[in-house]
């Protein structure tokens, strides 16, 4: 599907950029109490532990950011997952 490509998804939202990047992360955890703050810290720590994700986050040419997150439960393992996406773009005059 064309929507699997980040540039196609960005175009649907009205973003046309010559430079884009995307970070995707699936963070799994057991069915226990996890605060949003702890979850956010763990995900950001994981992004910074990956050289490619860190490079996208710190790229000074990418001046715009869109984020999305969703929860899923794997019925077979009773584990929860949070899928997080960061989409970066260079937009002139920002």
Protein backbone atom coordinates (compact mmCIF):
# COMPACT_ATOMS: atom_id res chain seq x y z
CA UNK A 1 0.00 0.00 0.00
CA UNK A 2 1.16 3.52 -0.77
CA UNK A 3 0.38 4.57 2.81
CA UNK A 4 3.29 2.47 4.08
CA UNK A 5 5.69 5.11 2.78
CA UNK A 6 6.15 8.14 5.07
CA UNK A 7 6.25 10.64 2.21
CA UNK A 8 2.82 9.43 1.01
CA UNK A 9 1.30 9.75 4.48
CA UNK A 10 2.77 13.24 4.85
CA UNK A 11 1.41 14.32 1.46
CA UNK A 12 -2.10 13.29 2.57
CA UNK A 13 -1.67 15.69 5.52
CA UNK A 14 -0.53 18.50 3.21
CA UNK A 15 3.19 18.18 3.91
CA UNK A 16 5.41 18.34 0.84
CA UNK A 17 9.08 18.29 1.75
CA UNK A 18 12.30 17.39 0.00
CA UNK A 19 13.72 16.03 3.26
CA UNK A 20 11.80 13.73 5.61
CA UNK A 21 12.60 11.08 8.18
CA UNK A 22 10.55 8.70 10.30
CA UNK A 23 11.07 6.82 13.55
CA UNK A 24 8.85 3.86 14.42
CA UNK A 25 9.03 1.92 17.65
CA UNK A 26 6.99 -0.91 19.19
CA UNK A 27 7.36 -0.91 22.95
CA UNK A 28 6.07 -4.03 24.69
CA UNK A 29 5.15 -4.41 28.34
CA UNK A 30 3.27 -6.87 30.54
CA UNK A 31 -0.16 -6.24 31.97
CA UNK A 32 1.04 -4.17 34.89
CA UNK A 33 0.68 -0.59 36.01
CA UNK A 34 2.77 1.68 33.81
CA UNK A 35 2.37 5.44 34.03
CA UNK A 36 2.34 7.52 30.86
CA UNK A 37 5.41 9.35 32.15
CA UNK A 38 7.37 6.12 32.66
CA UNK A 39 6.24 4.83 29.28
CA UNK A 40 7.30 8.06 27.55
CA UNK A 41 10.70 7.99 29.25
CA UNK A 42 11.31 4.39 28.19
CA UNK A 43 10.35 5.09 24.57
CA UNK A 44 12.51 8.22 24.30
CA UNK A 45 15.41 6.37 25.92
CA UNK A 46 14.98 3.61 23.35
CA UNK A 47 14.94 6.10 20.45
CA UNK A 48 18.18 7.67 21.70
CA UNK A 49 19.79 4.23 22.10
CA UNK A 50 19.37 3.66 18.35
CA UNK A 51 21.89 5.59 16.24
CA UNK A 52 19.45 5.95 13.31
CA UNK A 53 16.55 7.18 15.44
CA UNK A 54 18.83 9.53 17.36
CA UNK A 55 20.19 10.95 14.10
CA UNK A 56 16.64 11.77 12.94
CA UNK A 57 15.74 13.44 16.25
CA UNK A 58 18.88 15.60 16.30
CA UNK A 59 18.93 16.54 12.59
CA UNK A 60 18.86 20.35 12.61
CA UNK A 61 17.51 20.47 9.04
CA UNK A 62 14.33 18.66 10.08
CA UNK A 63 12.37 21.51 11.67
CA UNK A 64 8.86 20.02 11.90
CA UNK A 65 7.53 17.02 13.81
CA UNK A 66 4.34 15.00 13.88
CA UNK A 67 3.81 12.17 16.38
CA UNK A 68 1.34 9.35 16.78
CA UNK A 69 0.85 6.52 19.26
CA UNK A 70 -1.51 3.59 19.69
CA UNK A 71 -1.94 0.70 22.11
CA UNK A 72 -2.40 -2.91 21.06
CA UNK A 73 -2.86 -6.11 23.04
CA UNK A 74 -1.43 -9.39 21.79
CA UNK A 75 -4.10 -11.89 22.81
CA UNK A 76 -1.79 -14.91 22.64
CA UNK A 77 0.85 -13.51 25.02
CA UNK A 78 -1.33 -11.13 27.05
CA UNK A 79 1.28 -8.43 26.40
CA UNK A 80 0.54 -4.84 25.55
CA UNK A 81 2.39 -2.87 22.92
CA UNK A 82 2.58 0.81 22.26
CA UNK A 83 3.43 1.69 18.68
CA UNK A 84 4.97 5.15 18.40
CA UNK A 85 5.70 7.04 15.20
CA UNK A 86 7.64 10.26 14.78
CA UNK A 87 7.56 11.93 11.35
CA UNK A 88 10.09 14.68 10.67
CA UNK A 89 10.20 17.10 7.75
CA UNK A 90 12.00 20.18 6.58
CA UNK A 91 9.47 22.95 5.97
CA UNK A 92 10.80 26.28 4.74
CA UNK A 93 9.86 29.40 6.70
CA UNK A 94 9.34 27.46 9.93
